[in-house]
N, C-alpha and C. Protein backbone atom coordinates (compact mmCIF):
# COMPACT_ATOMS: atom_id res chain seq x y z
N HIS A 1 -14.50 -28.69 -16.72
CA HIS A 1 -14.50 -27.72 -17.81
C HIS A 1 -15.42 -28.23 -18.90
N ARG A 2 -15.78 -27.39 -19.82
CA ARG A 2 -16.74 -27.75 -20.86
C ARG A 2 -16.20 -28.81 -21.83
N ASP A 3 -14.89 -28.94 -21.94
CA ASP A 3 -14.26 -29.91 -22.82
C ASP A 3 -13.65 -31.02 -21.97
N PRO A 4 -14.24 -32.24 -22.01
CA PRO A 4 -13.74 -33.33 -21.16
C PRO A 4 -12.27 -33.68 -21.46
N ALA A 5 -11.86 -33.62 -22.71
CA ALA A 5 -10.48 -33.93 -23.05
C ALA A 5 -9.53 -32.91 -22.43
N LEU A 6 -9.93 -31.64 -22.49
CA LEU A 6 -9.10 -30.58 -21.89
C LEU A 6 -9.07 -30.74 -20.37
N SER A 7 -10.20 -31.09 -19.77
CA SER A 7 -10.25 -31.30 -18.32
C SER A 7 -9.31 -32.42 -17.89
N SER A 8 -9.32 -33.52 -18.62
CA SER A 8 -8.45 -34.64 -18.25
C SER A 8 -6.98 -34.28 -18.49
N LEU A 9 -6.68 -33.50 -19.53
CA LEU A 9 -5.32 -33.06 -19.78
C LEU A 9 -4.83 -32.17 -18.63
N VAL A 10 -5.68 -31.23 -18.19
CA VAL A 10 -5.34 -30.34 -17.08
C VAL A 10 -5.15 -31.16 -15.81
N ALA A 11 -6.04 -32.12 -15.54
CA ALA A 11 -5.92 -32.95 -14.35
C ALA A 11 -4.62 -33.75 -14.37
N ALA A 12 -4.24 -34.25 -15.55
CA ALA A 12 -3.00 -35.02 -15.66
C ALA A 12 -1.79 -34.14 -15.35
N LYS A 13 -1.80 -32.91 -15.87
CA LYS A 13 -0.68 -31.98 -15.60
C LYS A 13 -0.63 -31.64 -14.11
N LEU A 14 -1.79 -31.42 -13.49
CA LEU A 14 -1.83 -31.12 -12.07
C LEU A 14 -1.27 -32.29 -11.25
N GLU A 15 -1.61 -33.52 -11.65
CA GLU A 15 -1.11 -34.70 -10.94
C GLU A 15 0.40 -34.81 -11.04
N ARG A 16 0.97 -34.31 -12.13
CA ARG A 16 2.42 -34.35 -12.30
C ARG A 16 3.12 -33.21 -11.56
N GLY A 17 2.33 -32.39 -10.86
CA GLY A 17 2.93 -31.33 -10.05
C GLY A 17 2.98 -29.98 -10.72
N TRP A 18 2.33 -29.82 -11.85
CA TRP A 18 2.31 -28.53 -12.53
C TRP A 18 1.36 -27.59 -11.78
N SER A 19 1.66 -26.31 -11.80
CA SER A 19 0.76 -25.32 -11.20
C SER A 19 -0.25 -24.89 -12.27
N PRO A 20 -1.41 -24.38 -11.84
CA PRO A 20 -2.38 -23.87 -12.82
C PRO A 20 -1.79 -22.80 -13.74
N THR A 21 -0.88 -21.98 -13.23
CA THR A 21 -0.25 -20.95 -14.07
C THR A 21 0.62 -21.59 -15.14
N GLN A 22 1.40 -22.61 -14.76
CA GLN A 22 2.23 -23.30 -15.74
C GLN A 22 1.38 -23.96 -16.81
N ILE A 23 0.29 -24.57 -16.40
CA ILE A 23 -0.60 -25.25 -17.36
C ILE A 23 -1.19 -24.23 -18.32
N ALA A 24 -1.66 -23.11 -17.82
CA ALA A 24 -2.26 -22.08 -18.68
C ALA A 24 -1.26 -21.58 -19.71
N HIS A 25 0.00 -21.34 -19.27
CA HIS A 25 1.03 -20.90 -20.23
C HIS A 25 1.33 -21.99 -21.25
N TRP A 26 1.43 -23.24 -20.80
CA TRP A 26 1.72 -24.36 -21.71
C TRP A 26 0.60 -24.51 -22.73
N LEU A 27 -0.65 -24.42 -22.29
CA LEU A 27 -1.78 -24.54 -23.22
C LEU A 27 -1.76 -23.42 -24.25
N ARG A 28 -1.43 -22.22 -23.81
CA ARG A 28 -1.38 -21.09 -24.73
C ARG A 28 -0.30 -21.30 -25.79
N ARG A 29 0.85 -21.83 -25.35
CA ARG A 29 1.97 -22.02 -26.26
C ARG A 29 1.79 -23.24 -27.15
N GLU A 30 1.37 -24.37 -26.59
CA GLU A 30 1.34 -25.63 -27.32
C GLU A 30 0.03 -25.89 -28.07
N GLN A 31 -1.07 -25.44 -27.50
CA GLN A 31 -2.35 -25.80 -28.09
C GLN A 31 -3.19 -24.59 -28.49
N GLN A 32 -2.62 -23.41 -28.35
CA GLN A 32 -3.32 -22.17 -28.68
C GLN A 32 -4.70 -22.10 -28.00
N ASP A 33 -4.79 -22.66 -26.80
CA ASP A 33 -6.02 -22.59 -26.02
C ASP A 33 -5.82 -21.49 -24.98
N SER A 34 -6.79 -20.62 -24.83
CA SER A 34 -6.62 -19.47 -23.94
C SER A 34 -7.30 -19.70 -22.59
N LEU A 35 -7.04 -20.84 -21.98
CA LEU A 35 -7.56 -21.14 -20.66
C LEU A 35 -6.67 -20.44 -19.63
N SER A 36 -7.27 -19.65 -18.76
CA SER A 36 -6.47 -18.92 -17.77
C SER A 36 -6.26 -19.77 -16.52
N HIS A 37 -5.25 -19.40 -15.75
CA HIS A 37 -5.00 -20.12 -14.50
C HIS A 37 -6.18 -19.96 -13.54
N GLU A 38 -6.86 -18.80 -13.59
CA GLU A 38 -8.03 -18.60 -12.74
C GLU A 38 -9.15 -19.56 -13.13
N SER A 39 -9.30 -19.84 -14.42
CA SER A 39 -10.31 -20.80 -14.85
C SER A 39 -9.99 -22.19 -14.33
N ILE A 40 -8.71 -22.52 -14.29
CA ILE A 40 -8.31 -23.84 -13.77
C ILE A 40 -8.61 -23.91 -12.27
N TYR A 41 -8.27 -22.86 -11.53
CA TYR A 41 -8.59 -22.84 -10.10
C TYR A 41 -10.10 -22.97 -9.90
N HIS A 42 -10.86 -22.22 -10.68
CA HIS A 42 -12.32 -22.25 -10.55
C HIS A 42 -12.85 -23.66 -10.81
N ALA A 43 -12.33 -24.31 -11.85
CA ALA A 43 -12.77 -25.67 -12.17
C ALA A 43 -12.41 -26.64 -11.05
N LEU A 44 -11.27 -26.44 -10.43
CA LEU A 44 -10.87 -27.29 -9.30
C LEU A 44 -11.82 -27.13 -8.12
N TYR A 45 -12.12 -25.89 -7.80
CA TYR A 45 -12.91 -25.62 -6.60
C TYR A 45 -14.39 -25.91 -6.79
N THR A 46 -14.86 -25.88 -8.02
CA THR A 46 -16.26 -26.22 -8.28
C THR A 46 -16.44 -27.69 -8.59
N GLY A 47 -15.35 -28.45 -8.63
CA GLY A 47 -15.43 -29.89 -8.86
C GLY A 47 -15.51 -30.29 -10.32
N GLN A 48 -15.29 -29.36 -11.23
CA GLN A 48 -15.33 -29.69 -12.65
C GLN A 48 -14.09 -30.48 -13.07
N ILE A 49 -13.01 -30.33 -12.34
CA ILE A 49 -11.82 -31.16 -12.55
C ILE A 49 -11.64 -31.95 -11.27
N ARG A 50 -11.57 -33.25 -11.39
CA ARG A 50 -11.47 -34.12 -10.21
C ARG A 50 -10.17 -34.91 -10.26
N ALA A 51 -9.67 -35.16 -9.08
CA ALA A 51 -8.46 -35.97 -8.97
C ALA A 51 -8.85 -37.44 -8.99
N PRO A 52 -8.19 -38.25 -9.83
CA PRO A 52 -8.50 -39.67 -9.85
C PRO A 52 -8.17 -40.34 -8.51
N ARG A 53 -7.12 -39.90 -7.85
CA ARG A 53 -6.79 -40.47 -6.55
C ARG A 53 -7.20 -39.48 -5.46
N GLN A 54 -7.22 -39.94 -4.23
CA GLN A 54 -7.66 -39.11 -3.12
C GLN A 54 -6.68 -37.96 -2.89
N GLY A 55 -7.17 -36.80 -2.53
CA GLY A 55 -6.30 -35.67 -2.19
C GLY A 55 -6.44 -34.54 -3.18
N SER A 56 -5.63 -33.55 -2.98
CA SER A 56 -5.69 -32.34 -3.79
C SER A 56 -4.81 -32.48 -5.02
N LEU A 57 -5.19 -31.77 -6.06
CA LEU A 57 -4.36 -31.71 -7.26
C LEU A 57 -3.34 -30.57 -7.20
N LEU A 58 -3.50 -29.69 -6.24
CA LEU A 58 -2.58 -28.57 -6.14
C LEU A 58 -1.29 -28.97 -5.44
N ARG A 59 -0.18 -28.40 -5.88
CA ARG A 59 1.11 -28.72 -5.27
C ARG A 59 1.15 -28.38 -3.79
N SER A 60 0.42 -27.35 -3.41
CA SER A 60 0.43 -26.94 -2.01
C SER A 60 -0.28 -27.95 -1.12
N GLY A 61 -1.08 -28.83 -1.73
CA GLY A 61 -1.81 -29.82 -0.96
C GLY A 61 -3.14 -29.31 -0.43
N ARG A 62 -3.40 -28.02 -0.62
CA ARG A 62 -4.66 -27.47 -0.13
C ARG A 62 -5.79 -27.84 -1.07
N SER A 63 -6.94 -28.09 -0.49
CA SER A 63 -8.09 -28.40 -1.33
C SER A 63 -8.92 -27.15 -1.60
N LEU A 64 -8.80 -26.15 -0.75
CA LEU A 64 -9.53 -24.91 -0.93
C LEU A 64 -8.58 -23.74 -0.75
N ARG A 65 -8.91 -22.64 -1.39
CA ARG A 65 -8.11 -21.44 -1.18
C ARG A 65 -8.57 -20.78 0.10
N HIS A 66 -7.64 -20.15 0.78
CA HIS A 66 -7.96 -19.46 2.02
C HIS A 66 -7.61 -18.00 1.87
N ALA A 67 -8.36 -17.16 2.58
CA ALA A 67 -8.05 -15.74 2.57
C ALA A 67 -6.68 -15.54 3.20
N ARG A 68 -5.95 -14.59 2.69
CA ARG A 68 -4.64 -14.30 3.26
C ARG A 68 -4.82 -13.74 4.66
N VAL A 69 -3.94 -14.12 5.53
CA VAL A 69 -4.00 -13.65 6.90
C VAL A 69 -3.59 -12.19 6.92
N ALA A 70 -4.36 -11.37 7.62
CA ALA A 70 -4.05 -9.95 7.71
C ALA A 70 -2.71 -9.77 8.41
N LYS A 71 -1.90 -8.89 7.87
CA LYS A 71 -0.60 -8.62 8.48
C LYS A 71 -0.82 -7.84 9.76
N PRO A 72 0.00 -8.12 10.77
CA PRO A 72 -0.14 -7.36 12.01
C PRO A 72 0.18 -5.89 11.75
N ARG A 73 -0.54 -5.01 12.43
CA ARG A 73 -0.31 -3.57 12.26
C ARG A 73 1.09 -3.22 12.72
N GLN A 74 1.74 -2.39 11.95
CA GLN A 74 3.08 -1.97 12.34
C GLN A 74 2.99 -0.87 13.38
N ARG A 75 3.87 -0.90 14.31
CA ARG A 75 3.89 0.12 15.34
C ARG A 75 4.84 1.26 14.97
N ARG A 76 5.54 1.10 13.85
CA ARG A 76 6.49 2.12 13.43
C ARG A 76 5.75 3.43 13.12
N GLY A 77 6.24 4.52 13.60
CA GLY A 77 5.66 5.81 13.29
C GLY A 77 4.48 6.19 14.18
N VAL A 78 4.14 5.38 15.16
CA VAL A 78 3.03 5.71 16.05
C VAL A 78 3.54 6.66 17.13
N LEU A 79 2.88 7.78 17.25
CA LEU A 79 3.28 8.77 18.23
C LEU A 79 2.26 8.80 19.36
N ARG A 80 2.74 8.78 20.58
CA ARG A 80 1.85 8.79 21.74
C ARG A 80 1.51 10.23 22.13
N ASN A 81 0.35 10.39 22.76
CA ASN A 81 -0.08 11.68 23.32
C ASN A 81 -0.18 12.78 22.27
N MET A 82 -0.54 12.43 21.05
CA MET A 82 -0.70 13.42 20.00
C MET A 82 -2.14 13.92 19.97
N THR A 83 -2.30 15.18 19.67
CA THR A 83 -3.64 15.74 19.50
C THR A 83 -4.13 15.36 18.12
N SER A 84 -5.36 14.87 18.04
CA SER A 84 -5.91 14.44 16.76
C SER A 84 -6.15 15.63 15.85
N ILE A 85 -6.03 15.40 14.56
CA ILE A 85 -6.30 16.44 13.57
C ILE A 85 -7.76 16.88 13.65
N HIS A 86 -8.62 16.02 14.15
CA HIS A 86 -10.05 16.34 14.25
C HIS A 86 -10.34 17.30 15.40
N ASP A 87 -9.37 17.54 16.26
CA ASP A 87 -9.55 18.46 17.38
C ASP A 87 -9.11 19.88 17.05
N ARG A 88 -8.78 20.14 15.78
CA ARG A 88 -8.40 21.50 15.39
C ARG A 88 -9.61 22.43 15.49
N PRO A 89 -9.38 23.70 15.75
CA PRO A 89 -10.50 24.66 15.78
C PRO A 89 -11.17 24.76 14.41
N ALA A 90 -12.43 25.18 14.40
CA ALA A 90 -13.20 25.30 13.15
C ALA A 90 -12.56 26.29 12.19
N SER A 91 -11.93 27.35 12.72
CA SER A 91 -11.31 28.36 11.86
C SER A 91 -10.17 27.76 11.04
N VAL A 92 -9.55 26.71 11.56
CA VAL A 92 -8.49 26.03 10.80
C VAL A 92 -9.13 25.17 9.71
N GLU A 93 -10.18 24.47 10.08
CA GLU A 93 -10.85 23.57 9.13
C GLU A 93 -11.43 24.33 7.94
N ASP A 94 -12.09 25.47 8.19
CA ASP A 94 -12.73 26.17 7.08
C ASP A 94 -11.81 27.19 6.40
N ARG A 95 -10.55 27.21 6.82
CA ARG A 95 -9.53 28.06 6.20
C ARG A 95 -9.91 29.54 6.27
N ALA A 96 -10.54 29.93 7.37
CA ALA A 96 -11.02 31.30 7.52
C ALA A 96 -9.90 32.27 7.88
N GLU A 97 -8.87 31.81 8.57
CA GLU A 97 -7.80 32.73 8.95
C GLU A 97 -6.45 32.22 8.46
N VAL A 98 -5.58 33.16 8.23
CA VAL A 98 -4.24 32.86 7.73
C VAL A 98 -3.35 32.46 8.92
N GLY A 99 -2.39 31.57 8.66
CA GLY A 99 -1.41 31.25 9.67
C GLY A 99 -1.44 29.81 10.15
N HIS A 100 -2.29 29.01 9.55
CA HIS A 100 -2.36 27.59 9.92
C HIS A 100 -1.70 26.78 8.81
N TRP A 101 -0.70 26.00 9.19
CA TRP A 101 0.15 25.30 8.24
C TRP A 101 -0.04 23.79 8.33
N GLU A 102 0.19 23.14 7.22
CA GLU A 102 0.27 21.67 7.19
C GLU A 102 1.67 21.32 6.74
N GLY A 103 2.29 20.39 7.45
CA GLY A 103 3.66 20.02 7.15
C GLY A 103 3.78 18.56 6.76
N ASP A 104 4.79 18.27 5.94
CA ASP A 104 5.04 16.90 5.52
C ASP A 104 6.54 16.73 5.28
N LEU A 105 6.99 15.51 5.42
CA LEU A 105 8.39 15.18 5.18
C LEU A 105 8.45 14.40 3.88
N ILE A 106 9.26 14.88 2.95
CA ILE A 106 9.41 14.21 1.66
C ILE A 106 10.79 13.58 1.63
N MET A 107 10.81 12.26 1.53
CA MET A 107 12.08 11.54 1.55
C MET A 107 12.64 11.42 0.13
N GLY A 108 13.92 11.67 0.00
CA GLY A 108 14.62 11.44 -1.25
C GLY A 108 15.45 10.18 -1.09
N GLN A 109 16.51 10.08 -1.87
CA GLN A 109 17.41 8.94 -1.67
C GLN A 109 18.08 9.13 -0.33
N ARG A 110 17.94 8.12 0.51
CA ARG A 110 18.46 8.27 1.87
C ARG A 110 19.94 8.61 1.82
N PRO A 111 20.37 9.54 2.60
CA PRO A 111 19.70 10.12 3.76
C PRO A 111 19.09 11.49 3.48
N SER A 112 18.66 11.81 2.27
CA SER A 112 18.18 13.16 1.99
C SER A 112 16.66 13.27 2.19
N ALA A 113 16.23 14.46 2.58
CA ALA A 113 14.81 14.73 2.78
C ALA A 113 14.61 16.24 2.79
N VAL A 114 13.38 16.67 2.52
CA VAL A 114 12.99 18.07 2.68
C VAL A 114 11.65 18.08 3.40
N ALA A 115 11.37 19.17 4.08
CA ALA A 115 10.07 19.36 4.70
C ALA A 115 9.29 20.34 3.83
N THR A 116 8.00 20.10 3.68
CA THR A 116 7.15 21.03 2.96
C THR A 116 6.12 21.59 3.93
N LEU A 117 5.87 22.88 3.80
CA LEU A 117 4.85 23.55 4.60
C LEU A 117 3.86 24.20 3.65
N VAL A 118 2.58 23.96 3.86
CA VAL A 118 1.54 24.56 3.03
C VAL A 118 0.60 25.31 3.95
N GLU A 119 0.43 26.61 3.69
CA GLU A 119 -0.48 27.41 4.49
C GLU A 119 -1.89 27.12 3.99
N ARG A 120 -2.80 26.78 4.90
CA ARG A 120 -4.13 26.28 4.52
C ARG A 120 -4.99 27.32 3.81
N SER A 121 -4.91 28.56 4.19
CA SER A 121 -5.78 29.58 3.62
C SER A 121 -5.26 30.09 2.27
N THR A 122 -4.01 30.49 2.23
CA THR A 122 -3.45 31.08 1.00
C THR A 122 -2.85 30.04 0.07
N ARG A 123 -2.61 28.82 0.59
CA ARG A 123 -1.96 27.71 -0.14
C ARG A 123 -0.51 28.03 -0.48
N LEU A 124 0.09 28.98 0.25
CA LEU A 124 1.51 29.29 0.10
C LEU A 124 2.31 28.05 0.47
N VAL A 125 3.32 27.73 -0.34
CA VAL A 125 4.15 26.55 -0.08
C VAL A 125 5.57 27.00 0.25
N ARG A 126 6.12 26.41 1.30
CA ARG A 126 7.52 26.63 1.65
C ARG A 126 8.21 25.27 1.67
N VAL A 127 9.34 25.18 1.02
CA VAL A 127 10.14 23.96 1.03
C VAL A 127 11.33 24.23 1.94
N VAL A 128 11.49 23.38 2.94
CA VAL A 128 12.51 23.60 3.97
C VAL A 128 13.62 22.56 3.79
N ALA A 129 14.82 23.04 3.54
CA ALA A 129 15.97 22.14 3.43
C ALA A 129 16.28 21.56 4.81
N LEU A 130 16.73 20.33 4.82
CA LEU A 130 17.09 19.65 6.07
C LEU A 130 18.54 19.20 6.02
N PRO A 131 19.48 20.15 6.10
CA PRO A 131 20.89 19.79 5.97
C PRO A 131 21.42 18.93 7.12
N ASN A 132 20.75 18.96 8.26
CA ASN A 132 21.23 18.20 9.42
C ASN A 132 20.48 16.89 9.63
N GLY A 133 19.78 16.44 8.59
CA GLY A 133 19.08 15.16 8.69
C GLY A 133 17.58 15.33 8.88
N TYR A 134 16.90 14.21 8.99
CA TYR A 134 15.43 14.24 9.06
C TYR A 134 14.89 13.67 10.38
N LYS A 135 15.75 13.57 11.38
CA LYS A 135 15.27 13.18 12.71
C LYS A 135 14.47 14.34 13.29
N ALA A 136 13.64 14.04 14.29
CA ALA A 136 12.70 15.02 14.82
C ALA A 136 13.36 16.32 15.26
N ASP A 137 14.46 16.23 15.99
CA ASP A 137 15.12 17.44 16.48
C ASP A 137 15.65 18.31 15.34
N ALA A 138 16.23 17.68 14.33
CA ALA A 138 16.78 18.42 13.19
C ALA A 138 15.66 19.07 12.38
N VAL A 139 14.54 18.36 12.19
CA VAL A 139 13.40 18.92 11.45
C VAL A 139 12.81 20.10 12.23
N ARG A 140 12.62 19.92 13.54
CA ARG A 140 12.08 21.00 14.38
C ARG A 140 12.93 22.26 14.26
N ASP A 141 14.24 22.10 14.38
CA ASP A 141 15.14 23.26 14.32
C ASP A 141 15.09 23.94 12.95
N ALA A 142 15.02 23.15 11.88
CA ALA A 142 14.96 23.72 10.53
C ALA A 142 13.64 24.46 10.31
N LEU A 143 12.54 23.93 10.84
CA LEU A 143 11.25 24.61 10.70
C LEU A 143 11.23 25.93 11.48
N ILE A 144 11.77 25.91 12.69
CA ILE A 144 11.82 27.14 13.51
C ILE A 144 12.63 28.20 12.78
N GLU A 145 13.77 27.81 12.24
CA GLU A 145 14.62 28.75 11.51
C GLU A 145 13.91 29.28 10.27
N ASN A 146 13.21 28.40 9.55
CA ASN A 146 12.55 28.79 8.30
C ASN A 146 11.39 29.74 8.56
N LEU A 147 10.65 29.54 9.63
CA LEU A 147 9.46 30.37 9.89
C LEU A 147 9.77 31.59 10.76
N ALA A 148 11.03 31.75 11.19
CA ALA A 148 11.39 32.85 12.09
C ALA A 148 11.14 34.21 11.46
N ASP A 149 11.25 34.34 10.14
CA ASP A 149 11.07 35.64 9.48
C ASP A 149 9.60 35.99 9.25
N MET A 150 8.70 35.09 9.57
CA MET A 150 7.25 35.32 9.40
C MET A 150 6.70 36.07 10.61
N PRO A 151 5.80 37.02 10.41
CA PRO A 151 5.14 37.67 11.55
C PRO A 151 4.34 36.64 12.36
N PRO A 152 4.18 36.84 13.66
CA PRO A 152 3.50 35.87 14.51
C PRO A 152 2.08 35.51 14.06
N GLN A 153 1.34 36.48 13.48
CA GLN A 153 -0.03 36.18 13.05
C GLN A 153 -0.06 35.21 11.87
N PHE A 154 1.09 34.98 11.23
CA PHE A 154 1.17 34.01 10.15
C PHE A 154 1.76 32.68 10.62
N ARG A 155 1.95 32.55 11.95
CA ARG A 155 2.48 31.32 12.53
C ARG A 155 1.57 30.85 13.67
N ARG A 156 0.32 30.57 13.36
CA ARG A 156 -0.65 30.21 14.40
C ARG A 156 -0.55 28.73 14.79
N SER A 157 -0.52 27.82 13.80
CA SER A 157 -0.48 26.39 14.12
C SER A 157 0.18 25.63 12.99
N LEU A 158 0.65 24.45 13.34
CA LEU A 158 1.25 23.53 12.36
C LEU A 158 0.69 22.14 12.62
N THR A 159 0.06 21.57 11.61
CA THR A 159 -0.44 20.19 11.69
C THR A 159 0.47 19.36 10.80
N TRP A 160 1.10 18.37 11.41
CA TRP A 160 2.06 17.55 10.68
C TRP A 160 1.40 16.29 10.16
N ASP A 161 1.69 15.92 8.94
CA ASP A 161 1.20 14.67 8.36
C ASP A 161 1.87 13.54 9.10
N ARG A 162 1.06 12.67 9.70
CA ARG A 162 1.61 11.58 10.53
C ARG A 162 1.66 10.26 9.80
N GLY A 163 1.36 10.26 8.52
CA GLY A 163 1.41 9.00 7.78
C GLY A 163 2.83 8.55 7.57
N ARG A 164 2.98 7.23 7.26
CA ARG A 164 4.33 6.72 7.01
C ARG A 164 4.81 7.28 5.70
C-alpha cells in the first residue's frame, strides 16, 4: 500500500488471523481510515503487502483467489419430449391471429398457486384458480374447465412457461 506503516499494520493483523473485512472495519472505526477489504485483497495479490514468514496471510491459507466453481445444472423442472417454443408457427409469433395463449404458474405461499393465461394477440388475461393444487393433472383440469366456455377459434394453442 502507499503507506508503509499502514501496510505493516494490515500485515500484522492478517498474521494474527484477522480477515481483510475485519481489518477494514477496524481501521474505519479506530483510525478513521477508509481502506476497503477489496483494497487489502488487491494489495495482497499484487505483493504490496508481504508476509514476513513463508505462506499466505489469509486465514483460508490460499495465496490466490480462485473463480467459484460453477454449480451443477439442476435437473428439476426439465421436461422430456417437449416441443420448443421456437417451433411455433409464424402466425403465433407475429400475433396475427387470435387464440394463441401463453400460460404461467404463479406460486403463492405454499400450497397456493394460480395459473395465468395471456392471449398473445389481444393481450386478454385470465387468472385461473387452482383449488385442487398445482400438480400437472390439477392444473390441466382447471385450464380445460376455464377455457371450456371459449369458442374453439379462440383456443388454438397454449405455450406454457417452462422456467422454474
